Amino acid sequence: MRIPMNLKQCVWIVAMTLCIGITGGTARVAASASPQEQHDQDYSKNKNYQVGMRDGRDDSAHNRDHSKKRKFKKDDDQKAYETGYQAGHQSQPDHK
């Protein structure tokens, strides 16, 4: 009679462990999706993105590394500028 009680406890412990693991994994996946959405934001029409793109291309053409350090009051403006700068600095200029 002692063996079935231990078996029930083991099954219960395994079930609870799986339940907690699945719930925790789902919460982590849901939490990690949010920063990815921010990363995919389209700044291409943002004027700060355009300024960053221009500065990045200019620095790339003159073989400089982030010569202008611009500061913006809003985090979103700073992110747009930095995204544009990186895109401009990495793009290859057209040589015809």
Protein backbone atom coordinates (compact mmCIF):
# COMPACT_ATOMS: atom_id res chain seq x y z
CA MET A 1 0.00 0.00 0.00
CA ARG A 2 2.97 2.32 0.50
CA ILE A 3 4.16 2.03 -3.13
CA PRO A 4 1.03 3.49 -4.80
CA MET A 5 1.21 6.54 -2.51
CA ASN A 6 4.80 7.26 -3.58
CA LEU A 7 3.84 6.74 -7.22
CA LYS A 8 0.98 9.25 -6.88
CA GLN A 9 3.34 11.77 -5.29
CA CYS A 10 5.92 11.31 -8.05
CA VAL A 11 3.30 11.73 -10.79
CA TRP A 12 1.94 14.84 -9.04
CA ILE A 13 5.42 16.36 -8.68
CA VAL A 14 6.27 15.67 -12.34
CA ALA A 15 2.95 17.17 -13.47
CA MET A 16 3.47 20.33 -11.41
CA THR A 17 7.05 20.70 -12.63
CA LEU A 18 5.95 20.44 -16.25
CA CYS A 19 3.13 22.89 -15.68
CA ILE A 20 5.42 25.46 -14.09
CA GLY A 21 8.03 24.97 -16.81
CA ILE A 22 5.53 25.42 -19.62
CA THR A 23 4.00 28.50 -18.00
CA GLY A 24 7.41 30.08 -17.40
CA GLY A 25 8.54 29.37 -20.96
CA THR A 26 5.40 30.92 -22.38
CA ALA A 27 5.90 34.05 -20.28
CA ARG A 28 9.50 34.41 -21.48
CA VAL A 29 8.49 34.03 -25.13
CA ALA A 30 5.75 36.65 -24.73
CA ALA A 31 8.13 39.05 -22.99
CA SER A 32 10.87 38.65 -25.61
CA ALA A 33 8.51 39.41 -28.50
CA SER A 34 8.05 43.02 -27.40
CA PRO A 35 11.66 44.27 -27.87
CA GLN A 36 11.76 42.61 -31.30
CA GLU A 37 8.77 44.67 -32.39
CA GLN A 38 10.58 47.85 -31.35
CA HIS A 39 13.65 46.85 -33.33
CA ASP A 40 11.60 46.46 -36.51
CA GLN A 41 10.17 49.99 -36.32
CA ASP A 42 10.30 51.89 -39.62
CA TYR A 43 12.03 55.24 -39.13
CA SER A 44 12.62 55.91 -42.85
CA LYS A 45 10.25 58.91 -42.97
CA ASN A 46 11.57 60.39 -39.70
CA LYS A 47 13.65 63.57 -40.22
CA ASN A 48 16.14 62.47 -37.54
CA TYR A 49 16.61 59.19 -39.39
CA GLN A 50 17.35 61.15 -42.56
CA VAL A 51 19.90 63.35 -40.71
CA GLY A 52 21.52 60.23 -39.29
CA MET A 53 21.58 58.62 -42.73
CA ARG A 54 23.29 61.71 -44.18
CA ASP A 55 25.84 61.85 -41.34
CA GLY A 56 26.52 58.12 -41.66
CA ARG A 57 27.10 58.32 -45.40
CA ASP A 58 29.36 61.36 -44.98
CA ASP A 59 31.43 59.62 -42.30
CA SER A 60 31.65 56.48 -44.40
CA ALA A 61 32.78 58.45 -47.46
CA HIS A 62 35.50 60.21 -45.44
CA ASN A 63 36.49 57.06 -43.51
CA ARG A 64 35.40 58.47 -40.14
CA ASP A 65 33.70 56.73 -37.26
CA HIS A 66 30.70 58.64 -35.89
CA SER A 67 32.28 62.09 -36.02
CA LYS A 68 29.12 63.90 -34.89
CA LYS A 69 27.58 63.06 -31.54
CA ARG A 70 24.07 64.45 -31.67
CA LYS A 71 21.82 64.42 -28.64
CA PHE A 72 18.03 64.49 -28.77
CA LYS A 73 15.51 65.19 -26.04
CA LYS A 74 13.34 62.19 -26.92
CA ASP A 75 14.62 58.62 -26.89
CA ASP A 76 12.65 57.83 -30.03
CA ASP A 77 14.40 60.66 -31.91
CA GLN A 78 17.78 59.39 -30.72
CA LYS A 79 16.93 55.84 -31.84
CA ALA A 80 15.77 57.11 -35.24
CA TYR A 81 19.02 59.06 -35.71
CA GLU A 82 21.22 56.12 -34.65
CA THR A 83 19.31 53.71 -36.89
CA GLY A 84 19.71 56.09 -39.82
CA TYR A 85 23.38 56.63 -39.04
CA GLN A 86 24.08 52.90 -38.96
CA ALA A 87 22.19 52.37 -42.22
CA GLY A 88 24.03 55.26 -43.89
CA HIS A 89 27.45 54.23 -42.58
CA GLN A 90 27.00 50.62 -43.72
CA SER A 91 25.65 51.44 -47.18
CA GLN A 92 28.15 51.38 -50.02
CA PRO A 93 28.43 54.63 -51.99
CA ASP A 94 27.81 54.39 -55.75
CA HIS A 95 31.05 54.67 -57.75
CA LYS A 96 30.32 55.12 -61.46
